[in-house]
Amino acid sequence: MALRMESRCYYAAVGVFGQIARLFLWDRSGVLVSEAFDYRTNPAPLARFLKAMSQYRNGGIDATACRILDITDLKALEYERLERAIHLALNEGLLDESMAKKDKIYLEMWVRHVVSRSLAGRGTRVWLAIPADGDVQNIEFVIIKDGWREADPWSKGRIYEEIKKAVKARKAKDDVFGLPKCLTASDIEEPGFLHRTLASQVKSVLGCKSAVDRIHHRCVLHTVGKPLSRFGSTFELMVVIRDVAKSLQELSELGINHQDISANNILINASPEGQESPRGLLIDPELASVPGMPDYDNELKFITGTFQFLSIDRLAENGTPH
């Protein structure tokens, strides 16, 4: 629950079981548990733990996503509240000045589209947001997608960039039809450290090969969509599916395989612009196989994606390319 309620890099706790205590640390790679110790005869581990928690990294809270204003009205977007939020964020020191100069600041709205329920894994969180320096009278919404990617493969931002390069090399346009435009993407770090799970240290010290090393990654998407389940008519549903099929076709022509098609990765465009604008959006290409990747041929052979949406033939013939 604590990992879901607010953006955290980790969550630490003490478990007391009579005279015995254990120390716990959860992050997106799993949970690390200390040996049991008697805190009455050996209080030093507990004292060191409590001292460290009071001084180190905000107790695990993600300092790059801070709360500046509690907007409780869920029915309407009030301009004066937005103006107040922007004023607080930029003029009253609630955001670090060096961060404001280095990175573009976004204000999260009340709409939180997705919050992962799992304790481990990517821990995806998706917010509707606006640029803090934007025109309040002419609001331009964006989607912020936050998660913990595996350390070894390319990041989602790198994949979006490589797709854009491939499109430019073969076509006169910049984007794949129906693929949201990525405005910015980066691994998250604070001064002095990168947001990373303890898996790499666990592997080297304890030899635990199953731990997945993860890095905190965030991207901002220009196009806003709504869940496929909210289609208004069968006609709208079929138009969305058609547009996504066109997206997949364009990616295939570039040698790119999405590899994670599911109902959750298809959205309905919330604000299509004109008849040529796609009604269906294809999202989440982070598992895609892209030419230029290390070991690209083997990437095509991995079984990835959402199990319920994998083809039966693909499951039966593990080892053959997609």
Protein backbone atom coordinates (compact mmCIF):
# COMPACT_ATOMS: atom_id res chain seq x y z
CA MET A 1 0.00 0.00 0.00
CA ALA A 2 2.82 2.44 0.88
CA LEU A 3 4.48 1.92 -2.52
CA ARG A 4 1.15 2.63 -4.24
CA MET A 5 0.10 5.71 -2.25
CA GLU A 6 3.10 7.85 -3.21
CA SER A 7 6.12 7.71 -5.46
CA ARG A 8 8.86 5.82 -3.62
CA CYS A 9 12.26 4.38 -4.45
CA TYR A 10 12.02 1.91 -1.59
CA TYR A 11 10.17 1.23 1.65
CA ALA A 12 11.95 0.16 4.83
CA ALA A 13 10.39 -1.21 8.01
CA VAL A 14 11.11 -2.98 11.29
CA GLY A 15 9.29 -6.17 12.21
CA VAL A 16 9.12 -6.93 15.93
CA PHE A 17 8.19 -10.47 16.94
CA GLY A 18 8.31 -10.67 20.72
CA GLN A 19 11.96 -10.32 21.69
CA ILE A 20 13.17 -10.74 18.12
CA ALA A 21 13.31 -8.13 15.34
CA ARG A 22 14.05 -8.17 11.62
CA LEU A 23 14.75 -5.31 9.22
CA PHE A 24 12.91 -5.22 5.89
CA LEU A 25 13.53 -3.28 2.69
CA TRP A 26 11.19 -3.45 -0.29
CA ASP A 27 12.02 -2.05 -3.70
CA ARG A 28 10.97 -2.92 -7.25
CA SER A 29 13.35 -5.89 -7.38
CA GLY A 30 11.81 -7.61 -4.34
CA VAL A 31 12.31 -7.64 -0.59
CA LEU A 32 15.51 -7.87 1.45
CA VAL A 33 15.20 -9.29 4.99
CA SER A 34 17.85 -9.21 7.69
CA GLU A 35 18.75 -12.03 10.03
CA ALA A 36 16.74 -12.08 13.24
CA PHE A 37 18.31 -10.38 16.25
CA ASP A 38 17.35 -9.79 19.87
CA TYR A 39 16.90 -6.03 20.07
CA ARG A 40 17.13 -6.03 23.88
CA THR A 41 20.57 -7.60 24.14
CA ASN A 42 21.78 -6.36 20.75
CA PRO A 43 20.12 -2.99 20.03
CA ALA A 44 22.89 -1.68 17.73
CA PRO A 45 21.36 -2.87 14.39
CA LEU A 46 18.03 -1.25 15.25
CA ALA A 47 19.71 2.00 16.35
CA ARG A 48 21.80 2.21 13.16
CA PHE A 49 18.72 1.49 11.05
CA LEU A 50 16.60 4.20 12.70
CA LYS A 51 19.42 6.76 12.45
CA ALA A 52 19.97 5.98 8.76
CA MET A 53 16.25 6.24 8.00
CA SER A 54 16.11 9.70 9.57
CA GLN A 55 19.00 11.01 7.46
CA TYR A 56 19.12 9.15 4.16
CA ARG A 57 17.19 10.00 0.97
CA ASN A 58 13.90 11.18 2.51
CA GLY A 59 13.17 7.75 3.90
CA GLY A 60 12.76 6.36 0.39
CA ILE A 61 10.33 8.97 -0.95
CA ASP A 62 11.00 10.07 -4.54
CA ALA A 63 12.17 13.68 -4.20
CA THR A 64 11.71 14.34 -7.94
CA ALA A 65 7.92 14.00 -7.65
CA CYS A 66 6.83 16.22 -4.76
CA ARG A 67 3.32 17.27 -3.78
CA ILE A 68 2.82 21.04 -3.97
CA LEU A 69 -0.96 21.41 -3.93
CA ASP A 70 -3.84 19.15 -2.99
CA ILE A 71 -6.57 19.58 -5.61
CA THR A 72 -9.76 18.04 -4.19
CA ASP A 73 -12.30 19.13 -6.81
CA LEU A 74 -12.54 16.17 -9.18
CA LYS A 75 -15.25 17.62 -11.40
CA ALA A 76 -13.76 20.72 -13.00
CA LEU A 77 -10.38 22.21 -13.84
CA GLU A 78 -10.31 25.63 -12.18
CA TYR A 79 -7.95 28.19 -13.71
CA GLU A 80 -7.29 29.97 -10.42
CA ARG A 81 -6.13 26.74 -8.81
CA LEU A 82 -3.79 26.08 -11.70
CA GLU A 83 -2.40 29.60 -11.46
CA ARG A 84 -1.87 29.13 -7.73
CA ALA A 85 -0.13 25.78 -8.30
CA ILE A 86 2.21 27.24 -10.91
CA HIS A 87 2.96 30.21 -8.65
CA LEU A 88 3.75 27.93 -5.70
CA ALA A 89 5.90 25.60 -7.81
CA LEU A 90 8.06 28.21 -9.49
CA ASN A 91 8.08 31.24 -7.19
CA GLU A 92 7.91 30.02 -3.60
CA GLY A 93 10.83 27.62 -3.56
CA LEU A 94 8.86 24.38 -3.36
CA LEU A 95 10.90 22.97 -6.24
CA ASP A 96 14.68 22.81 -6.24
CA GLU A 97 16.10 25.66 -8.33
CA SER A 98 18.77 23.50 -9.97
CA MET A 99 16.09 21.00 -10.98
CA ALA A 100 13.92 23.75 -12.43
CA LYS A 101 16.81 25.00 -14.56
CA LYS A 102 17.88 21.56 -15.73
CA ASP A 103 14.54 19.86 -16.34
CA LYS A 104 11.13 20.88 -17.56
CA ILE A 105 8.65 20.95 -14.68
CA TYR A 106 5.22 19.35 -15.00
CA LEU A 107 2.23 19.63 -12.69
CA GLU A 108 0.26 16.46 -12.11
CA MET A 109 -3.51 16.82 -12.28
CA TRP A 110 -5.95 14.84 -10.17
CA VAL A 111 -6.32 12.12 -12.80
CA ARG A 112 -4.02 9.19 -12.06
CA HIS A 113 -4.62 6.75 -14.90
CA VAL A 114 -2.57 3.80 -13.70
CA VAL A 115 -0.96 2.72 -10.44
CA SER A 116 0.64 -0.73 -10.39
CA ARG A 117 -0.65 -3.05 -7.67
CA SER A 118 2.37 -5.34 -7.60
CA LEU A 119 5.12 -5.06 -4.98
CA ALA A 120 7.89 -5.92 -7.45
CA GLY A 121 8.27 -5.33 -11.18
CA ARG A 122 8.02 -2.13 -13.17
CA GLY A 123 5.66 -0.39 -10.75
CA THR A 124 4.12 1.67 -13.54
CA ARG A 125 2.42 4.95 -12.60
CA VAL A 126 0.69 7.16 -15.19
CA TRP A 127 -0.49 10.73 -14.62
CA LEU A 128 -2.28 13.40 -16.58
CA ALA A 129 -0.25 16.62 -16.32
CA ILE A 130 0.39 20.09 -17.77
CA PRO A 131 3.67 21.99 -18.28
CA ALA A 132 4.20 24.33 -15.32
CA ASP A 133 5.33 27.13 -17.66
CA GLY A 134 2.39 26.72 -20.05
CA ASP A 135 -0.48 29.06 -20.85
CA VAL A 136 -3.18 28.47 -18.24
CA GLN A 137 -5.87 29.77 -20.60
CA ASN A 138 -4.76 27.36 -23.33
CA ILE A 139 -3.99 24.15 -21.47
CA GLU A 140 -1.92 21.51 -23.23
CA PHE A 141 -2.15 18.17 -21.46
CA VAL A 142 0.54 15.52 -21.50
CA ILE A 143 0.90 12.03 -20.06
CA ILE A 144 3.72 11.26 -17.64
CA LYS A 145 4.66 7.59 -17.46
CA ASP A 146 6.85 6.53 -14.59
CA GLY A 147 8.27 3.05 -13.96
CA TRP A 148 11.25 0.89 -13.11
CA ARG A 149 12.79 -0.58 -16.25
CA GLU A 150 15.20 -3.49 -16.41
CA ALA A 151 18.75 -2.17 -16.39
CA ASP A 152 20.11 -4.19 -19.31
CA PRO A 153 17.71 -3.57 -22.25
CA TRP A 154 17.29 -0.20 -23.92
CA SER A 155 15.15 2.28 -22.03
CA LYS A 156 11.77 3.36 -23.32
CA GLY A 157 13.20 6.79 -24.21
CA ARG A 158 16.02 5.15 -26.21
CA ILE A 159 13.50 2.98 -28.08
CA TYR A 160 11.32 6.00 -28.96
CA GLU A 161 14.44 7.80 -30.21
CA GLU A 162 15.57 4.84 -32.34
CA ILE A 163 12.07 4.51 -33.83
CA LYS A 164 12.17 8.20 -34.73
CA LYS A 165 15.59 7.78 -36.40
CA ALA A 166 14.35 4.77 -38.38
CA VAL A 167 11.30 6.69 -39.59
CA LYS A 168 13.38 9.68 -40.68
CA ALA A 169 15.78 7.41 -42.56
CA ARG A 170 13.00 5.91 -44.68
CA LYS A 171 10.21 8.48 -44.76
CA ALA A 172 9.62 12.20 -45.00
CA LYS A 173 7.76 12.33 -41.66
CA ASP A 174 8.99 12.10 -38.09
CA ASP A 175 6.56 9.70 -36.42
CA VAL A 176 4.88 6.33 -36.80
CA PHE A 177 1.14 6.65 -37.34
CA GLY A 178 -0.68 6.10 -34.03
CA LEU A 179 2.45 5.98 -31.88
CA PRO A 180 2.40 8.79 -29.27
CA LYS A 181 5.15 11.37 -29.58
CA CYS A 182 7.70 11.19 -26.76
CA LEU A 183 8.57 14.73 -25.65
CA THR A 184 11.28 13.74 -23.20
CA ALA A 185 12.52 10.64 -21.37
CA SER A 186 15.32 9.90 -18.95
CA ASP A 187 16.48 7.73 -16.10
CA ILE A 188 15.74 9.48 -12.81
CA GLU A 189 18.53 10.67 -10.58
CA GLU A 190 19.00 13.07 -7.71
CA PRO A 191 22.30 14.82 -6.95
CA GLY A 192 24.79 12.10 -6.17
CA PHE A 193 22.88 8.96 -7.06
CA LEU A 194 20.80 7.22 -9.68
CA HIS A 195 17.43 5.76 -8.68
CA ARG A 196 18.29 2.05 -8.82
CA THR A 197 17.17 -1.06 -6.94
CA LEU A 198 19.49 -3.09 -4.75
CA ALA A 199 19.45 -6.08 -7.12
CA SER A 200 22.92 -5.40 -8.56
CA GLN A 201 24.44 -5.38 -5.06
CA VAL A 202 22.45 -8.43 -4.01
CA LYS A 203 23.71 -10.33 -7.04
CA SER A 204 27.35 -9.48 -6.40
CA VAL A 205 27.31 -9.99 -2.61
CA LEU A 206 24.80 -12.81 -2.14
CA GLY A 207 24.94 -14.42 -5.57
CA CYS A 208 21.17 -14.17 -6.04
CA LYS A 209 20.81 -14.50 -9.81
CA SER A 210 17.00 -14.20 -9.85
CA ALA A 211 16.98 -10.57 -8.67
CA VAL A 212 16.17 -8.19 -11.55
CA ASP A 213 18.25 -5.01 -11.57
CA ARG A 214 15.92 -2.05 -12.22
CA ILE A 215 16.39 1.68 -12.90
CA HIS A 216 13.78 4.39 -12.37
CA HIS A 217 12.70 5.81 -15.74
CA ARG A 218 10.21 8.54 -16.66
CA CYS A 219 8.88 9.72 -20.01
CA VAL A 220 6.47 12.45 -21.10
CA LEU A 221 4.10 11.69 -23.98
CA HIS A 222 2.42 14.40 -26.04
CA THR A 223 -0.71 12.43 -26.98
CA VAL A 224 -3.37 11.71 -24.36
CA GLY A 225 -5.60 8.66 -24.66
CA LYS A 226 -8.34 6.86 -22.76
CA PRO A 227 -8.68 3.10 -22.11
CA LEU A 228 -9.91 0.92 -24.94
CA SER A 229 -12.71 -0.34 -22.68
CA ARG A 230 -14.32 3.12 -22.86
CA PHE A 231 -15.23 2.90 -26.54
CA GLY A 232 -18.53 4.60 -27.33
CA SER A 233 -19.69 2.34 -30.15
CA THR A 234 -18.68 -0.76 -32.10
CA PHE A 235 -17.74 1.52 -34.99
CA GLU A 236 -15.34 3.50 -32.79
CA LEU A 237 -13.80 0.27 -31.48
CA MET A 238 -13.19 -1.03 -35.01
CA VAL A 239 -11.66 2.29 -36.14
CA VAL A 240 -9.27 2.20 -33.17
CA ILE A 241 -8.25 -1.40 -33.95
CA ARG A 242 -7.75 -0.47 -37.61
CA ASP A 243 -5.47 2.43 -36.72
CA VAL A 244 -3.39 0.28 -34.36
CA ALA A 245 -3.03 -2.34 -37.11
CA LYS A 246 -1.68 0.44 -39.33
CA SER A 247 0.78 1.41 -36.58
CA LEU A 248 2.01 -2.17 -36.32
CA GLN A 249 2.36 -2.37 -40.10
CA GLU A 250 4.52 0.77 -40.21
CA LEU A 251 6.70 -0.54 -37.37
CA SER A 252 7.07 -3.90 -39.13
CA GLU A 253 8.23 -2.16 -42.32
CA LEU A 254 11.00 -0.60 -40.22
CA GLY A 255 12.03 -3.99 -38.84
CA ILE A 256 10.54 -3.17 -35.43
CA ASN A 257 8.42 -5.70 -33.52
CA HIS A 258 6.31 -4.28 -30.66
CA GLN A 259 6.06 -7.64 -28.81
CA ASP A 260 3.60 -6.48 -26.14
CA ILE A 261 0.17 -6.14 -27.74
CA SER A 262 -2.73 -6.25 -25.29
CA ALA A 263 -5.96 -4.40 -24.55
CA ASN A 264 -4.07 -2.26 -22.02
CA ASN A 265 -1.56 -1.07 -24.64
CA ILE A 266 -4.20 0.23 -27.05
CA LEU A 267 -5.80 3.59 -26.27
CA ILE A 268 -8.50 5.75 -27.81
CA ASN A 269 -7.12 9.14 -28.84
CA ALA A 270 -8.72 11.68 -26.49
CA SER A 271 -8.17 14.65 -28.82
CA PRO A 272 -7.76 13.65 -32.47
CA GLU A 273 -6.91 16.55 -34.79
CA GLY A 274 -8.67 16.25 -38.15
CA GLN A 275 -9.67 13.26 -40.23
CA GLU A 276 -6.08 12.12 -40.82
CA SER A 277 -5.30 11.96 -37.10
CA PRO A 278 -5.27 8.43 -35.62
CA ARG A 279 -8.22 7.41 -33.46
CA GLY A 280 -6.26 4.49 -32.02
CA LEU A 281 -2.95 4.79 -30.15
CA LEU A 282 -0.32 2.10 -29.70
CA ILE A 283 1.66 2.58 -26.48
CA ASP A 284 4.39 0.93 -24.39
CA PRO A 285 7.09 -0.09 -26.89
CA GLU A 286 9.65 -0.81 -24.15
CA LEU A 287 9.69 -4.54 -24.97
CA ALA A 288 10.06 -3.91 -28.70
CA SER A 289 12.83 -5.44 -30.80
CA VAL A 290 14.56 -2.65 -32.74
CA PRO A 291 17.32 -3.04 -35.36
CA GLY A 292 20.63 -1.99 -33.85
CA MET A 293 19.90 -3.57 -30.47
CA PRO A 294 22.65 -5.81 -29.10
CA ASP A 295 21.69 -9.42 -29.93
CA TYR A 296 18.71 -8.26 -32.04
CA ASP A 297 18.10 -11.74 -33.52
CA ASN A 298 17.72 -13.31 -30.08
CA GLU A 299 15.47 -10.46 -28.95
CA LEU A 300 13.00 -11.61 -31.60
CA LYS A 301 12.94 -15.10 -30.08
CA PHE A 302 12.10 -14.14 -26.52
CA ILE A 303 8.55 -14.68 -25.31
CA THR A 304 7.56 -11.31 -23.91
CA GLY A 305 4.38 -9.35 -23.34
CA THR A 306 1.05 -10.12 -21.72
CA PHE A 307 0.50 -13.89 -21.45
CA GLN A 308 -3.23 -13.79 -22.19
CA PHE A 309 -2.63 -12.06 -25.53
CA LEU A 310 0.24 -14.21 -26.84
CA SER A 311 -0.50 -16.39 -29.84
CA ILE A 312 -0.83 -20.13 -29.20
CA ASP A 313 1.62 -20.88 -32.04
CA ARG A 314 4.18 -18.53 -30.52
CA LEU A 315 3.89 -20.27 -27.13
CA ALA A 316 4.19 -23.71 -28.74
CA GLU A 317 7.28 -22.81 -30.80
CA ASN A 318 9.61 -21.11 -28.37
CA GLY A 319 12.86 -20.35 -30.15
CA THR A 320 11.39 -19.17 -33.45
CA PRO A 321 11.40 -15.45 -34.28
CA HIS A 322 8.25 -13.37 -33.89
